[in-house]
Amino acid sequence: MGYCTLTEVERIVAQALTSATTSTLSGRGDLLRVGKVLDKNTVPTDIIEQYIQFAGQEIDATLSHQYKTPFCEMADFETSLQSDIAEYNAYIILDKNCPLTAGDIIILTDGVNEERFTIDELVVSGVFSTVEEILTTFAAGSRVIRVKYPDPIPLICARLAAADIYDKYFMAQVSPSKSEFGSNLRKLARQHLNNILRGITVLHGYMRIGRRLYDPNIAAQYDTHKGTDAAKEIDDVG
């Protein structure tokens, strides 16, 4: 997997690339998921993963002269379980409010056992379900560690991947040109990239490269291309 998860891409394009009917034919189905889950017959999972890799390659190529790439996951938040995870409780219940959301990657560990999960959704305040089934019994007090790539790299990756998928699997069926939705996603993604290049956004905890950073007392921005796009902080190329 690349710099973002399948869930993050699906949340951006799912309204356009979904099945219009419930998959349950013999009885009542869960209509709440219609329009929210990708139609796997239209966009296979391996295709989404490939576009995530393409987006990651573009990010690495753009930022490689400023940061050491590829980026690696880092732990940016830690808390602990409030309740045991056992056969009668399959949810992650935390002892305090935290910024977890759908698509976040967490690691549960009690010092002996360690498992990695993807947050599926917020059930109620402080209670989260996971995409993968939790098989190990974790006692209250076990560590809950969120690991992720530096912000806004996951958002950039998800938007670039979603834009390409939308244009290819939806817009290309009705028009040979790129969609306005896909173009706007690329603008937003490349605006974030330009902010990183200009020094407005700093990726803390990651190794910088370049002669302007040999002296830690020098605070300066990297030179960026000149022109109207640079002034607007939006790169329309591509």
C-alpha atoms as a PDB file:
ATOM      1  CA  MET A   1       0.000   0.000   0.000  1.00  0.00           C
ATOM      2  CA  GLY A   2       1.103   3.546  -0.668  1.00  0.00           C
ATOM      3  CA  TYR A   3       0.725   6.792   1.231  1.00  0.00           C
ATOM      4  CA  CYS A   4      -3.040   6.446   1.748  1.00  0.00           C
ATOM      5  CA  THR A   5      -5.549   3.660   2.322  1.00  0.00           C
ATOM      6  CA  LEU A   6      -8.350   2.272   0.187  1.00  0.00           C
ATOM      7  CA  THR A   7     -10.852   3.761   2.624  1.00  0.00           C
ATOM      8  CA  GLU A   8      -9.550   7.287   2.071  1.00  0.00           C
ATOM      9  CA  VAL A   9      -9.845   6.970  -1.724  1.00  0.00           C
ATOM     10  CA  GLU A  10     -13.285   5.390  -1.472  1.00  0.00           C
ATOM     11  CA  ARG A  11     -14.586   8.232   0.696  1.00  0.00           C
ATOM     12  CA  ILE A  12     -13.653  10.721  -2.042  1.00  0.00           C
ATOM     13  CA  VAL A  13     -15.095   8.956  -5.105  1.00  0.00           C
ATOM     14  CA  ALA A  14     -17.633   6.479  -3.711  1.00  0.00           C
ATOM     15  CA  GLN A  15     -20.686   8.573  -4.606  1.00  0.00           C
ATOM     16  CA  ALA A  16     -19.759   8.333  -8.285  1.00  0.00           C
ATOM     17  CA  LEU A  17     -18.400   4.800  -8.515  1.00  0.00           C
ATOM     18  CA  THR A  18     -20.884   2.714  -6.532  1.00  0.00           C
ATOM     19  CA  SER A  19     -23.490   0.107  -7.112  1.00  0.00           C
ATOM     20  CA  ALA A  20     -26.966   1.635  -7.309  1.00  0.00           C
ATOM     21  CA  THR A  21     -28.726  -1.377  -5.789  1.00  0.00           C
ATOM     22  CA  THR A  22     -28.354  -3.427  -2.659  1.00  0.00           C
ATOM     23  CA  SER A  23     -26.472  -6.713  -2.970  1.00  0.00           C
ATOM     24  CA  THR A  24     -29.149  -8.552  -0.947  1.00  0.00           C
ATOM     25  CA  LEU A  25     -31.739 -10.036  -3.309  1.00  0.00           C
ATOM     26  CA  SER A  26     -33.576 -12.546  -1.112  1.00  0.00           C
ATOM     27  CA  GLY A  27     -34.635 -10.124   1.611  1.00  0.00           C
ATOM     28  CA  ARG A  28     -34.173  -6.702   3.081  1.00  0.00           C
ATOM     29  CA  GLY A  29     -30.752  -5.162   2.544  1.00  0.00           C
ATOM     30  CA  ASP A  30     -28.690  -2.455   4.174  1.00  0.00           C
ATOM     31  CA  LEU A  31     -29.575   0.577   2.059  1.00  0.00           C
ATOM     32  CA  LEU A  32     -27.303   2.804   4.157  1.00  0.00           C
ATOM     33  CA  ARG A  33     -24.296   1.404   2.284  1.00  0.00           C
ATOM     34  CA  VAL A  34     -25.717   2.012  -1.189  1.00  0.00           C
ATOM     35  CA  GLY A  35     -23.883   4.985  -2.657  1.00  0.00           C
ATOM     36  CA  LYS A  36     -21.096   4.752  -0.106  1.00  0.00           C
ATOM     37  CA  VAL A  37     -19.201   1.609  -1.103  1.00  0.00           C
ATOM     38  CA  LEU A  38     -17.283   1.200  -4.357  1.00  0.00           C
ATOM     39  CA  ASP A  39     -18.696  -1.202  -6.903  1.00  0.00           C
ATOM     40  CA  LYS A  40     -15.902  -3.769  -7.063  1.00  0.00           C
ATOM     41  CA  ASN A  41     -17.032  -4.848 -10.542  1.00  0.00           C
ATOM     42  CA  THR A  42     -16.328  -1.315 -11.794  1.00  0.00           C
ATOM     43  CA  VAL A  43     -13.159  -0.538  -9.870  1.00  0.00           C
ATOM     44  CA  PRO A  44     -11.246  -3.606  -8.610  1.00  0.00           C
ATOM     45  CA  THR A  45      -9.200  -3.248  -5.447  1.00  0.00           C
ATOM     46  CA  ASP A  46      -5.917  -3.941  -7.220  1.00  0.00           C
ATOM     47  CA  ILE A  47      -6.629  -1.073  -9.632  1.00  0.00           C
ATOM     48  CA  ILE A  48      -7.142   1.351  -6.741  1.00  0.00           C
ATOM     49  CA  GLU A  49      -3.895   0.173  -5.147  1.00  0.00           C
ATOM     50  CA  GLN A  50      -2.045   0.745  -8.424  1.00  0.00           C
ATOM     51  CA  TYR A  51      -3.335   4.328  -8.705  1.00  0.00           C
ATOM     52  CA  ILE A  52      -2.305   4.936  -5.097  1.00  0.00           C
ATOM     53  CA  GLN A  53       1.203   3.813  -6.082  1.00  0.00           C
ATOM     54  CA  PHE A  54       1.167   6.185  -9.071  1.00  0.00           C
ATOM     55  CA  ALA A  55       0.169   9.077  -6.797  1.00  0.00           C
ATOM     56  CA  GLY A  56       2.944   8.166  -4.352  1.00  0.00           C
ATOM     57  CA  GLN A  57       5.494   8.193  -7.159  1.00  0.00           C
ATOM     58  CA  GLU A  58       4.406  11.708  -8.163  1.00  0.00           C
ATOM     59  CA  ILE A  59       4.711  12.898  -4.548  1.00  0.00           C
ATOM     60  CA  ASP A  60       8.187  11.364  -4.161  1.00  0.00           C
ATOM     61  CA  ALA A  61       9.378  12.891  -7.441  1.00  0.00           C
ATOM     62  CA  THR A  62       8.090  16.346  -6.454  1.00  0.00           C
ATOM     63  CA  LEU A  63       9.533  16.406  -2.935  1.00  0.00           C
ATOM     64  CA  SER A  64      12.704  14.375  -3.463  1.00  0.00           C
ATOM     65  CA  HIS A  65      14.951  17.472  -3.703  1.00  0.00           C
ATOM     66  CA  GLN A  66      13.679  18.766  -0.353  1.00  0.00           C
ATOM     67  CA  TYR A  67      13.083  15.620   1.761  1.00  0.00           C
ATOM     68  CA  LYS A  68      14.561  12.157   1.790  1.00  0.00           C
ATOM     69  CA  THR A  69      12.033   9.958   0.016  1.00  0.00           C
ATOM     70  CA  PRO A  70      10.194   7.634   0.139  1.00  0.00           C
ATOM     71  CA  PHE A  71       8.522   8.666   3.386  1.00  0.00           C
ATOM     72  CA  CYS A  72       7.996   6.149   6.183  1.00  0.00           C
ATOM     73  CA  GLU A  73       5.205   5.763   8.704  1.00  0.00           C
ATOM     74  CA  MET A  74       5.698   7.343  12.101  1.00  0.00           C
ATOM     75  CA  ALA A  75       3.741   7.129  15.358  1.00  0.00           C
ATOM     76  CA  ASP A  76       2.014  10.458  15.925  1.00  0.00           C
ATOM     77  CA  PHE A  77      -0.562   9.645  18.619  1.00  0.00           C
ATOM     78  CA  GLU A  78      -0.804   7.184  21.514  1.00  0.00           C
ATOM     79  CA  THR A  79      -3.452   6.345  24.082  1.00  0.00           C
ATOM     80  CA  SER A  80      -4.716   3.192  25.833  1.00  0.00           C
ATOM     81  CA  LEU A  81      -7.753   0.917  25.924  1.00  0.00           C
ATOM     82  CA  GLN A  82     -10.428   1.658  28.487  1.00  0.00           C
ATOM     83  CA  SER A  83     -12.130  -1.750  28.187  1.00  0.00           C
ATOM     84  CA  ASP A  84     -10.940  -5.256  27.410  1.00  0.00           C
ATOM     85  CA  ILE A  85     -11.265  -6.554  23.859  1.00  0.00           C
ATOM     86  CA  ALA A  86     -12.707 -10.032  24.222  1.00  0.00           C
ATOM     87  CA  GLU A  87     -15.288 -12.312  22.606  1.00  0.00           C
ATOM     88  CA  TYR A  88     -18.079 -10.112  23.958  1.00  0.00           C
ATOM     89  CA  ASN A  89     -16.497  -6.805  22.918  1.00  0.00           C
ATOM     90  CA  ALA A  90     -15.128  -6.370  19.391  1.00  0.00           C
ATOM     91  CA  TYR A  91     -14.735  -2.600  19.561  1.00  0.00           C
ATOM     92  CA  ILE A  92     -11.823  -0.351  20.462  1.00  0.00           C
ATOM     93  CA  ILE A  93     -12.912   1.762  23.442  1.00  0.00           C
ATOM     94  CA  LEU A  94     -10.437   4.479  24.370  1.00  0.00           C
ATOM     95  CA  ASP A  95      -9.946   6.195  27.712  1.00  0.00           C
ATOM     96  CA  LYS A  96     -10.049   9.712  26.234  1.00  0.00           C
ATOM     97  CA  ASN A  97     -11.145  11.625  23.158  1.00  0.00           C
ATOM     98  CA  CYS A  98      -8.754  11.237  20.244  1.00  0.00           C
ATOM     99  CA  PRO A  99      -8.535  12.282  16.593  1.00  0.00           C
ATOM    100  CA  LEU A 100      -9.057   8.814  15.118  1.00  0.00           C
ATOM    101  CA  THR A 101     -11.240   8.593  12.026  1.00  0.00           C
ATOM    102  CA  ALA A 102     -12.120   6.157   9.249  1.00  0.00           C
ATOM    103  CA  GLY A 103      -9.034   5.002   7.352  1.00  0.00           C
ATOM    104  CA  ASP A 104      -6.564   5.583  10.196  1.00  0.00           C
ATOM    105  CA  ILE A 105      -4.034   2.813  10.866  1.00  0.00           C
ATOM    106  CA  ILE A 106      -3.559   1.810  14.499  1.00  0.00           C
ATOM    107  CA  ILE A 107      -1.371  -0.715  16.282  1.00  0.00           C
ATOM    108  CA  LEU A 108      -2.657  -2.513  19.377  1.00  0.00           C
ATOM    109  CA  THR A 109       0.007  -3.939  21.662  1.00  0.00           C
ATOM    110  CA  ASP A 110       0.129  -5.246  25.213  1.00  0.00           C
ATOM    111  CA  GLY A 111       3.896  -5.764  25.255  1.00  0.00           C
ATOM    112  CA  VAL A 112       3.607  -9.353  24.009  1.00  0.00           C
ATOM    113  CA  ASN A 113       0.991  -9.392  21.280  1.00  0.00           C
ATOM    114  CA  GLU A 114       0.835  -6.763  18.547  1.00  0.00           C
ATOM    115  CA  GLU A 115      -1.702  -6.356  15.737  1.00  0.00           C
ATOM    116  CA  ARG A 116      -2.346  -3.735  13.080  1.00  0.00           C
ATOM    117  CA  PHE A 117      -5.851  -2.541  12.175  1.00  0.00           C
ATOM    118  CA  THR A 118      -7.659   0.003  10.028  1.00  0.00           C
ATOM    119  CA  ILE A 119     -10.372   2.110  11.662  1.00  0.00           C
ATOM    120  CA  ASP A 120     -13.693   1.507   9.923  1.00  0.00           C
ATOM    121  CA  GLU A 121     -15.983   4.031  11.604  1.00  0.00           C
ATOM    122  CA  LEU A 122     -16.816   5.862  14.815  1.00  0.00           C
ATOM    123  CA  VAL A 123     -19.614   3.959  16.579  1.00  0.00           C
ATOM    124  CA  VAL A 124     -20.153   6.413  19.429  1.00  0.00           C
ATOM    125  CA  SER A 125     -17.825   8.874  21.117  1.00  0.00           C
ATOM    126  CA  GLY A 126     -14.562   7.074  21.937  1.00  0.00           C
ATOM    127  CA  VAL A 127     -15.709   3.737  20.455  1.00  0.00           C
ATOM    128  CA  PHE A 128     -14.352   2.569  17.093  1.00  0.00           C
ATOM    129  CA  SER A 129     -14.901  -0.434  14.861  1.00  0.00           C
ATOM    130  CA  THR A 130     -12.170  -1.889  12.668  1.00  0.00           C
ATOM    131  CA  VAL A 131     -12.082  -3.189   9.100  1.00  0.00           C
ATOM    132  CA  GLU A 132     -10.143  -6.300  10.137  1.00  0.00           C
ATOM    133  CA  GLU A 133     -11.443  -8.672  12.798  1.00  0.00           C
ATOM    134  CA  ILE A 134      -9.634  -8.384  16.140  1.00  0.00           C
ATOM    135  CA  LEU A 135      -8.563 -11.928  16.993  1.00  0.00           C
ATOM    136  CA  THR A 136      -6.331 -11.317  20.010  1.00  0.00           C
ATOM    137  CA  THR A 137      -7.671 -10.560  23.486  1.00  0.00           C
ATOM    138  CA  PHE A 138      -6.258  -7.206  24.581  1.00  0.00           C
ATOM    139  CA  ALA A 139      -6.714  -6.141  28.191  1.00  0.00           C
ATOM    140  CA  ALA A 140      -7.653  -2.665  29.332  1.00  0.00           C
ATOM    141  CA  GLY A 141      -4.565  -0.465  29.471  1.00  0.00           C
ATOM    142  CA  SER A 142      -3.050  -1.908  26.273  1.00  0.00           C
ATOM    143  CA  ARG A 143      -1.393   0.684  24.088  1.00  0.00           C
ATOM    144  CA  VAL A 144      -3.189   2.090  21.052  1.00  0.00           C
ATOM    145  CA  ILE A 145      -0.731   3.742  18.641  1.00  0.00           C
ATOM    146  CA  ARG A 146      -1.734   5.579  15.483  1.00  0.00           C
ATOM    147  CA  VAL A 147       0.840   5.374  12.691  1.00  0.00           C
ATOM    148  CA  LYS A 148       0.644   7.446   9.529  1.00  0.00           C
ATOM    149  CA  TYR A 149       2.595   9.284   6.912  1.00  0.00           C
ATOM    150  CA  PRO A 150       3.179  12.995   7.490  1.00  0.00           C
ATOM    151  CA  ASP A 151       0.242  15.307   6.917  1.00  0.00           C
ATOM    152  CA  PRO A 152      -0.835  16.273   4.303  1.00  0.00           C
ATOM    153  CA  ILE A 153       0.861  13.459   2.313  1.00  0.00           C
ATOM    154  CA  PRO A 154      -2.038  10.963   2.756  1.00  0.00           C
ATOM    155  CA  LEU A 155      -4.565  13.612   1.677  1.00  0.00           C
ATOM    156  CA  ILE A 156      -2.475  14.534  -1.377  1.00  0.00           C
ATOM    157  CA  CYS A 157      -2.111  10.881  -2.352  1.00  0.00           C
ATOM    158  CA  ALA A 158      -5.815  10.136  -1.923  1.00  0.00           C
ATOM    159  CA  ARG A 159      -6.854  13.148  -4.004  1.00  0.00           C
ATOM    160  CA  LEU A 160      -4.434  12.391  -6.850  1.00  0.00           C
ATOM    161  CA  ALA A 161      -5.467   8.725  -6.961  1.00  0.00           C
ATOM    162  CA  ALA A 162      -9.167   9.576  -6.755  1.00  0.00           C
ATOM    163  CA  ALA A 163      -8.872  12.146  -9.562  1.00  0.00           C
ATOM    164  CA  ASP A 164      -7.271   9.643 -11.949  1.00  0.00           C
ATOM    165  CA  ILE A 165      -9.729   6.876 -11.047  1.00  0.00           C
ATOM    166  CA  TYR A 166     -12.718   9.186 -11.463  1.00  0.00           C
ATOM    167  CA  ASP A 167     -11.576  10.439 -14.856  1.00  0.00           C
ATOM    168  CA  LYS A 168     -10.791   6.965 -16.185  1.00  0.00           C
ATOM    169  CA  TYR A 169     -13.680   4.881 -14.842  1.00  0.00           C
ATOM    170  CA  PHE A 170     -16.484   7.435 -14.774  1.00  0.00           C
ATOM    171  CA  MET A 171     -15.871  10.576 -16.820  1.00  0.00           C
ATOM    172  CA  ALA A 172     -14.189   8.747 -19.705  1.00  0.00           C
ATOM    173  CA  GLN A 173     -17.451   6.897 -20.318  1.00  0.00           C
ATOM    174  CA  VAL A 174     -19.368  10.095 -21.128  1.00  0.00           C
ATOM    175  CA  SER A 175     -16.726  12.565 -22.309  1.00  0.00           C
ATOM    176  CA  PRO A 176     -13.207  12.307 -23.755  1.00  0.00           C
ATOM    177  CA  SER A 177     -12.057  15.289 -21.694  1.00  0.00           C
ATOM    178  CA  LYS A 178     -11.033  15.392 -18.033  1.00  0.00           C
ATOM    179  CA  SER A 179     -13.760  16.167 -15.520  1.00  0.00           C
ATOM    180  CA  GLU A 180     -13.962  19.380 -13.535  1.00  0.00           C
ATOM    181  CA  PHE A 181     -14.106  17.289 -10.363  1.00  0.00           C
ATOM    182  CA  GLY A 182     -10.838  15.539 -11.217  1.00  0.00           C
ATOM    183  CA  SER A 183      -9.161  18.825 -12.139  1.00  0.00           C
ATOM    184  CA  ASN A 184     -10.198  20.406  -8.843  1.00  0.00           C
ATOM    185  CA  LEU A 185      -8.843  17.431  -6.905  1.00  0.00           C
ATOM    186  CA  ARG A 186      -5.483  17.796  -8.654  1.00  0.00           C
ATOM    187  CA  LYS A 187      -5.437  21.538  -7.957  1.00  0.00           C
ATOM    188  CA  LEU A 188      -6.034  20.977  -4.252  1.00  0.00           C
ATOM    189  CA  ALA A 189      -3.407  18.220  -4.098  1.00  0.00           C
ATOM    190  CA  ARG A 190      -0.739  20.232  -5.924  1.00  0.00           C
ATOM    191  CA  GLN A 191      -1.515  23.310  -3.862  1.00  0.00           C
ATOM    192  CA  HIS A 192      -0.521  21.277  -0.788  1.00  0.00           C
ATOM    193  CA  LEU A 193       2.636  20.116  -2.599  1.00  0.00           C
ATOM    194  CA  ASN A 194       3.536  23.713  -3.449  1.00  0.00           C
ATOM    195  CA  ASN A 195       3.004  24.751   0.171  1.00  0.00           C
ATOM    196  CA  ILE A 196       5.536  22.106   1.210  1.00  0.00           C
ATOM    197  CA  LEU A 197       8.006  23.255  -1.441  1.00  0.00           C
ATOM    198  CA  ARG A 198       7.633  26.900  -0.415  1.00  0.00           C
ATOM    199  CA  GLY A 199       8.215  26.114   3.266  1.00  0.00           C
ATOM    200  CA  ILE A 200       4.682  27.055   4.348  1.00  0.00           C
ATOM    201  CA  THR A 201       4.027  23.445   5.407  1.00  0.00           C
ATOM    202  CA  VAL A 202       6.829  21.604   7.247  1.00  0.00           C
ATOM    203  CA  LEU A 203       6.921  17.804   7.538  1.00  0.00           C
ATOM    204  CA  HIS A 204       8.174  17.411  11.082  1.00  0.00           C
ATOM    205  CA  GLY A 205      10.299  14.398  11.938  1.00  0.00           C
ATOM    206  CA  TYR A 206      11.541  13.729   8.401  1.00  0.00           C
ATOM    207  CA  MET A 207      15.033  14.221   7.031  1.00  0.00           C
ATOM    208  CA  ARG A 208      15.537  17.297   4.909  1.00  0.00           C
ATOM    209  CA  ILE A 209      18.145  17.494   2.182  1.00  0.00           C
ATOM    210  CA  GLY A 210      19.614  20.413   0.255  1.00  0.00           C
ATOM    211  CA  ARG A 211      22.396  22.939   0.796  1.00  0.00           C
ATOM    212  CA  ARG A 212      20.089  25.578   2.250  1.00  0.00           C
ATOM    213  CA  LEU A 213      19.506  23.367   5.296  1.00  0.00           C
ATOM    214  CA  TYR A 214      23.121  22.668   6.217  1.00  0.00           C
ATOM    215  CA  ASP A 215      22.880  25.440   8.826  1.00  0.00           C
ATOM    216  CA  PRO A 216      19.930  24.858  11.202  1.00  0.00           C
ATOM    217  CA  ASN A 217      19.807  28.573  11.991  1.00  0.00           C
ATOM    218  CA  ILE A 218      18.892  29.519   8.433  1.00  0.00           C
ATOM    219  CA  ALA A 219      15.149  29.875   7.984  1.00  0.00           C
ATOM    220  CA  ALA A 220      14.393  30.191   4.285  1.00  0.00           C
ATOM    221  CA  GLN A 221      11.989  28.849   1.707  1.00  0.00           C
ATOM    222  CA  TYR A 222      12.942  26.818  -1.309  1.00  0.00           C
ATOM    223  CA  ASP A 223      12.816  28.551  -4.658  1.00  0.00           C
ATOM    224  CA  THR A 224       9.769  27.618  -6.705  1.00  0.00           C
ATOM    225  CA  HIS A 225       8.833  28.261 -10.302  1.00  0.00           C
ATOM    226  CA  LYS A 226       7.778  31.779 -11.183  1.00  0.00           C
ATOM    227  CA  GLY A 227       4.520  32.759 -12.857  1.00  0.00           C
ATOM    228  CA  THR A 228       0.825  33.133 -12.254  1.00  0.00           C
ATOM    229  CA  ASP A 229       0.369  29.555 -10.997  1.00  0.00           C
ATOM    230  CA  ALA A 230       3.064  30.042  -8.375  1.00  0.00           C
ATOM    231  CA  ALA A 231       1.432  33.279  -7.242  1.00  0.00           C
ATOM    232  CA  LYS A 232      -1.858  31.424  -6.769  1.00  0.00           C
ATOM    233  CA  GLU A 233      -0.044  28.527  -5.075  1.00  0.00           C
ATOM    234  CA  ILE A 234      -1.756  26.153  -7.505  1.00  0.00           C
ATOM    235  CA  ASP A 235      -0.002  23.979 -10.055  1.00  0.00           C
ATOM    236  CA  ASP A 236      -2.300  23.215 -12.965  1.00  0.00           C
ATOM    237  CA  VAL A 237       0.250  21.070 -14.780  1.00  0.00           C
ATOM    238  CA  GLY A 238      -0.786  17.482 -15.422  1.00  0.00           C
END
